[in-house]
Amino acid sequence: MNQQATDQRRRGRYLILDAQHRVVLSVKEANGRVSECLVKDVSPFGLGVRAAEPSQPGGPIRIRYRNGGGSLEVLGYVVWCKASPGNQSVDLDSHPFRWGISFDPIDRQACDALYSAIREQSA
């Protein structure tokens, strides 16, 4: 990853550390599997999540966020996936895998709306 891409990815990242403000979303992979994921951080360009199962990086995904009476849907890609090291979180038992997700910039407005909604819910 070049320096510009790394700087862009880090810009505006918002960490969700408080379990009381947990944000859950669903991710549908190209193979049809739907996973419930816990959001650990969000930026205008992607998400860091915990999931119950590993994912294959590279394939397209559909991210769905529901809050109150509405929902948002954004396209993206799993960029990386790895098992979480022990003793990091109470979520580790049920969601032992970490995924890095990049939003598909094709719909920048939907990506920005998702970023704002997650930040608002977790504040």
Protein backbone atom coordinates (compact mmCIF):
# COMPACT_ATOMS: atom_id res chain seq x y z
CA MET A 1 0.00 0.00 0.00
CA ASN A 2 1.46 3.37 -0.95
CA GLN A 3 1.79 6.26 1.51
CA GLN A 4 -1.10 8.24 0.00
CA ALA A 5 -3.47 5.29 0.33
CA THR A 6 -2.33 4.69 3.93
CA ASP A 7 -2.85 8.36 4.85
CA GLN A 8 -6.30 8.39 3.23
CA ARG A 9 -7.31 5.21 5.09
CA ARG A 10 -6.31 6.65 8.47
CA ARG A 11 -7.94 10.04 7.93
CA GLY A 12 -11.13 10.46 9.90
CA ARG A 13 -11.00 7.05 11.61
CA TYR A 14 -13.38 6.83 14.56
CA LEU A 15 -12.82 4.08 17.14
CA ILE A 16 -15.75 2.42 18.91
CA LEU A 17 -14.34 1.25 22.23
CA ASP A 18 -17.38 1.30 24.49
CA ALA A 19 -19.44 -1.93 24.47
CA GLN A 20 -22.42 0.14 25.62
CA HIS A 21 -22.46 1.87 22.23
CA ARG A 22 -22.07 -1.33 20.19
CA VAL A 23 -22.84 -1.03 16.49
CA VAL A 24 -23.93 -4.18 14.65
CA LEU A 25 -24.34 -4.53 10.91
CA SER A 26 -24.79 -7.38 8.47
CA VAL A 27 -22.42 -8.23 5.64
CA LYS A 28 -23.50 -10.34 2.69
CA GLU A 29 -20.64 -11.94 0.80
CA ALA A 30 -20.63 -12.94 -2.89
CA ASN A 31 -21.19 -16.60 -1.91
CA GLY A 32 -24.48 -15.60 -0.23
CA ARG A 33 -23.29 -15.97 3.37
CA VAL A 34 -24.54 -13.25 5.70
CA SER A 35 -22.45 -12.40 8.78
CA GLU A 36 -23.34 -10.27 11.76
CA CYS A 37 -20.39 -7.99 12.44
CA LEU A 38 -19.48 -5.72 15.33
CA VAL A 39 -18.02 -2.41 14.20
CA LYS A 40 -14.72 -1.57 15.93
CA ASP A 41 -13.78 1.49 13.86
CA VAL A 42 -15.17 3.45 10.93
CA SER A 43 -13.79 6.02 8.52
CA PRO A 44 -15.24 7.65 5.42
CA PHE A 45 -13.42 4.96 3.41
CA GLY A 46 -14.12 1.74 5.33
CA LEU A 47 -14.66 -0.25 8.50
CA GLY A 48 -12.85 -2.46 10.94
CA VAL A 49 -15.16 -5.19 12.25
CA ARG A 50 -15.21 -8.37 14.31
CA ALA A 51 -16.97 -11.41 12.87
CA ALA A 52 -17.76 -14.97 13.95
CA GLU A 53 -16.14 -16.52 10.86
CA PRO A 54 -13.27 -15.65 8.55
CA SER A 55 -13.86 -14.09 5.13
CA GLN A 56 -11.95 -14.40 1.88
CA PRO A 57 -10.39 -11.03 1.02
CA GLY A 58 -11.05 -9.52 -2.38
CA GLY A 59 -14.65 -10.41 -3.08
CA PRO A 60 -17.44 -7.87 -3.24
CA ILE A 61 -19.73 -7.53 -0.22
CA ARG A 62 -22.97 -5.75 0.59
CA ILE A 63 -22.99 -3.95 3.97
CA ARG A 64 -26.38 -3.31 5.59
CA TYR A 65 -26.82 -1.06 8.61
CA ARG A 66 -30.17 -0.78 10.37
CA ASN A 67 -31.01 1.81 12.97
CA GLY A 68 -34.47 2.74 14.11
CA GLY A 69 -36.91 2.75 11.22
CA GLY A 70 -34.41 2.89 8.38
CA SER A 71 -31.45 1.16 6.85
CA LEU A 72 -28.44 1.99 4.71
CA GLU A 73 -26.72 -0.29 2.23
CA VAL A 74 -23.20 0.17 0.90
CA LEU A 75 -21.01 -1.94 -1.38
CA GLY A 76 -17.48 -2.78 -0.38
CA TYR A 77 -14.65 -5.33 -0.30
CA VAL A 78 -12.99 -7.33 2.46
CA VAL A 79 -9.38 -6.18 2.22
CA TRP A 80 -7.94 -8.39 4.96
CA CYS A 81 -9.04 -10.95 7.53
CA LYS A 82 -7.20 -12.42 10.50
CA ALA A 83 -7.84 -14.15 13.78
CA SER A 84 -7.82 -11.79 16.74
CA PRO A 85 -5.10 -12.19 19.34
CA GLY A 86 -6.43 -13.27 22.74
CA ASN A 87 -7.49 -11.04 25.63
CA GLN A 88 -8.41 -7.99 23.56
CA SER A 89 -12.17 -7.79 23.93
CA VAL A 90 -15.24 -9.28 25.52
CA ASP A 91 -16.46 -9.80 21.94
CA LEU A 92 -13.62 -12.23 21.25
CA ASP A 93 -15.51 -15.41 22.15
CA SER A 94 -18.38 -14.86 19.74
CA HIS A 95 -16.52 -12.77 17.12
CA PRO A 96 -12.90 -14.00 17.00
CA PHE A 97 -12.03 -12.71 13.51
CA ARG A 98 -11.14 -9.20 12.44
CA TRP A 99 -11.94 -7.93 8.95
CA GLY A 100 -10.76 -4.78 7.23
CA ILE A 101 -13.44 -3.52 4.85
CA SER A 102 -13.02 -0.89 2.15
CA PHE A 103 -16.10 0.90 0.87
CA ASP A 104 -16.70 0.88 -2.88
CA PRO A 105 -16.47 4.60 -3.80
CA ILE A 106 -19.06 4.20 -6.56
CA ASP A 107 -21.69 5.70 -4.23
CA ARG A 108 -19.76 8.22 -2.14
CA GLN A 109 -22.98 9.71 -0.75
CA ALA A 110 -24.09 6.34 0.72
CA CYS A 111 -20.59 5.77 2.19
CA ASP A 112 -20.66 9.19 3.86
CA ALA A 113 -24.18 8.56 5.19
CA LEU A 114 -23.10 5.22 6.69
CA TYR A 115 -20.02 6.79 8.29
CA SER A 116 -22.14 9.56 9.84
CA ALA A 117 -24.86 7.17 11.06
CA ILE A 118 -22.38 4.85 12.78
CA ARG A 119 -20.57 7.75 14.42
CA GLU A 120 -23.87 9.19 15.63
CA GLN A 121 -25.07 5.87 17.08
CA SER A 122 -21.80 5.22 18.89
CA ALA A 123 -21.37 8.73 20.33
